[in-house]
Amino acid sequence: MAAGRFGPRVAAAIDAVRYFGIRAGRRPHRFIAIWAVVVDGRVFVRSWDGKPGGWYHTLLEDPHGVLQAGERLVRVRARRVRGDRLLDAIDVAYAAKYHTPGSLKYVRGFARPPRRERTIELVPPTAAAATITSRGTPRKTRSPSAAAS
């Protein structure tokens, strides 16, 4: 596993599910379902509307959180993403993973500023990310606009 990246099993688990749950910051709250993509073994998320107090701004203020992929819960740290080449690859990954007719509007929207600028990479909090054992269920939504902040 490369430093600052999840192992292949964790990345594959995230890549395999359509929605995954995120609990942003260290304060306890419910999981919120959002879309995630994996590019070169790295995990990325984008906020649809970037509401103050939502998961995106919470991660900017307190970059620690927990993600849920299926039944697996993993501690994460958020970091902002820069660079057009990487952002382009993330655009392609969203289009490949979320290709249903109902998803296309959101995939196109994620590829436009300012949503593209609200890209966050989720990384292990340390070189040896630990899976945690508490369980939670992400709220199911039909689109990222209903769940994203």
Protein backbone atom coordinates (compact mmCIF):
# COMPACT_ATOMS: atom_id res chain seq x y z
CA MET A 1 0.00 0.00 0.00
CA ALA A 2 1.40 3.40 -0.96
CA ALA A 3 1.80 5.92 1.85
CA GLY A 4 -1.37 7.94 2.30
CA ARG A 5 -3.54 5.48 0.39
CA PHE A 6 -5.94 2.75 1.34
CA GLY A 7 -5.10 -0.85 0.62
CA PRO A 8 -6.52 -2.49 -2.48
CA ARG A 9 -9.30 -4.29 -0.56
CA VAL A 10 -10.64 -1.08 0.98
CA ALA A 11 -10.45 0.79 -2.35
CA ALA A 12 -12.19 -2.12 -4.13
CA ALA A 13 -14.95 -2.18 -1.49
CA ILE A 14 -15.57 1.53 -2.03
CA ASP A 15 -15.45 1.17 -5.80
CA ALA A 16 -17.95 -1.72 -5.68
CA VAL A 17 -20.82 0.20 -4.07
CA ARG A 18 -22.94 2.92 -5.63
CA TYR A 19 -23.38 4.96 -2.45
CA PHE A 20 -21.19 4.98 0.56
CA GLY A 21 -21.70 6.60 3.92
CA ILE A 22 -19.65 9.38 5.39
CA ARG A 23 -19.58 10.76 8.90
CA ALA A 24 -17.63 14.02 8.67
CA GLY A 25 -15.67 15.44 11.56
CA ARG A 26 -15.25 13.96 15.01
CA ARG A 27 -18.69 14.81 16.40
CA PRO A 28 -21.09 11.86 16.31
CA HIS A 29 -23.93 12.02 13.79
CA ARG A 30 -25.62 9.74 11.29
CA PHE A 31 -23.94 8.58 8.11
CA ILE A 32 -24.85 10.51 4.96
CA ALA A 33 -24.87 8.66 1.65
CA ILE A 34 -22.67 10.19 -1.06
CA TRP A 35 -20.99 9.08 -4.26
CA ALA A 36 -17.33 8.09 -4.30
CA VAL A 37 -14.91 7.06 -7.03
CA VAL A 38 -11.53 5.38 -7.04
CA VAL A 39 -8.73 6.57 -9.34
CA ASP A 40 -5.41 4.72 -9.26
CA GLY A 41 -6.32 3.22 -5.88
CA ARG A 42 -7.16 6.65 -4.40
CA VAL A 43 -10.63 7.52 -3.07
CA PHE A 44 -12.35 10.78 -4.09
CA VAL A 45 -15.66 12.46 -3.26
CA ARG A 46 -17.35 15.64 -4.49
CA SER A 47 -19.94 17.83 -2.87
CA TRP A 48 -22.97 18.74 -4.98
CA ASP A 49 -23.90 22.00 -3.30
CA GLY A 50 -21.29 22.71 -0.62
CA LYS A 51 -23.76 23.91 2.02
CA PRO A 52 -22.23 25.52 5.11
CA GLY A 53 -22.39 22.98 7.93
CA GLY A 54 -22.61 20.05 5.51
CA TRP A 55 -20.14 17.19 5.23
CA TYR A 56 -17.82 19.04 2.82
CA HIS A 57 -17.32 22.12 5.00
CA THR A 58 -17.14 19.97 8.11
CA LEU A 59 -14.23 18.03 6.57
CA LEU A 60 -12.47 21.27 5.66
CA GLU A 61 -12.71 22.40 9.29
CA ASP A 62 -12.07 18.99 10.88
CA PRO A 63 -10.56 16.61 8.30
CA HIS A 64 -11.20 13.46 10.33
CA GLY A 65 -14.17 11.22 9.72
CA VAL A 66 -15.44 7.72 9.05
CA LEU A 67 -16.51 6.18 5.78
CA GLN A 68 -18.76 3.19 5.31
CA ALA A 69 -18.56 0.91 2.29
CA GLY A 70 -21.04 -1.91 2.68
CA GLU A 71 -20.52 -3.20 6.22
CA ARG A 72 -16.95 -1.94 6.44
CA LEU A 73 -16.27 1.21 8.46
CA VAL A 74 -12.92 2.94 8.08
CA ARG A 75 -11.43 6.04 9.69
CA VAL A 76 -10.47 8.68 7.12
CA ARG A 77 -8.74 12.00 6.80
CA ALA A 78 -9.76 14.48 4.11
CA ARG A 79 -7.47 16.53 1.93
CA ARG A 80 -8.28 18.92 -0.88
CA VAL A 81 -7.47 17.96 -4.44
CA ARG A 82 -5.70 20.19 -6.95
CA GLY A 83 -4.46 19.69 -10.47
CA ASP A 84 -6.41 19.55 -13.70
CA ARG A 85 -5.01 16.19 -14.75
CA LEU A 86 -6.18 14.46 -11.58
CA LEU A 87 -9.52 16.30 -11.63
CA ASP A 88 -10.01 15.19 -15.25
CA ALA A 89 -9.38 11.57 -14.25
CA ILE A 90 -11.92 11.93 -11.43
CA ASP A 91 -14.48 13.31 -13.93
CA VAL A 92 -13.93 10.21 -16.09
CA ALA A 93 -14.26 7.90 -13.08
CA TYR A 94 -17.61 9.46 -12.11
CA ALA A 95 -18.88 9.04 -15.68
CA ALA A 96 -17.76 5.39 -15.80
CA LYS A 97 -19.21 4.41 -12.41
CA TYR A 98 -22.45 6.41 -12.48
CA HIS A 99 -23.66 5.83 -16.03
CA THR A 100 -27.40 5.28 -15.62
CA PRO A 101 -29.73 7.73 -17.36
CA GLY A 102 -30.80 9.19 -14.00
CA SER A 103 -27.18 9.72 -12.96
CA LEU A 104 -25.99 11.58 -16.06
CA LYS A 105 -27.29 14.98 -14.92
CA TYR A 106 -25.24 14.68 -11.73
CA VAL A 107 -22.15 13.33 -13.45
CA ARG A 108 -22.19 16.31 -15.82
CA GLY A 109 -22.77 18.66 -12.88
CA PHE A 110 -19.86 17.18 -10.92
CA ALA A 111 -17.56 17.97 -13.86
CA ARG A 112 -18.36 21.70 -13.72
CA PRO A 113 -16.97 24.40 -11.44
CA PRO A 114 -17.51 24.95 -8.56
CA ARG A 115 -18.38 21.29 -7.87
CA ARG A 116 -15.15 20.12 -9.45
CA GLU A 117 -13.31 22.45 -7.07
CA ARG A 118 -15.08 20.74 -4.14
CA THR A 119 -13.21 17.48 -4.66
CA ILE A 120 -11.78 15.81 -1.59
CA GLU A 121 -9.48 12.81 -1.36
CA LEU A 122 -10.13 10.46 1.54
CA VAL A 123 -6.96 8.91 2.94
CA PRO A 124 -6.11 6.83 5.99
CA PRO A 125 -5.57 8.99 9.10
CA THR A 126 -2.14 7.34 9.46
CA ALA A 127 -0.04 5.05 7.30
CA ALA A 128 -1.81 2.07 8.90
CA ALA A 129 -5.52 2.88 8.66
CA ALA A 130 -7.57 0.90 11.14
CA THR A 131 -11.02 -0.40 10.41
CA ILE A 132 -13.34 0.43 13.28
CA THR A 133 -16.05 -1.83 14.56
CA SER A 134 -19.08 0.39 15.23
CA ARG A 135 -21.92 -0.01 12.77
CA GLY A 136 -24.08 2.58 11.06
CA THR A 137 -26.32 2.71 8.05
CA PRO A 138 -26.04 5.45 5.42
CA ARG A 139 -29.24 7.18 4.52
CA LYS A 140 -30.28 6.03 1.05
CA THR A 141 -30.97 8.76 -1.47
CA ARG A 142 -31.83 8.84 -5.13
CA SER A 143 -29.25 11.42 -6.16
CA PRO A 144 -26.22 13.17 -4.78
CA SER A 145 -28.16 16.43 -4.64
CA ALA A 146 -30.41 15.02 -1.95
CA ALA A 147 -27.53 13.75 0.17
CA ALA A 148 -24.55 15.93 -0.70
CA SER A 149 -23.71 19.09 1.10
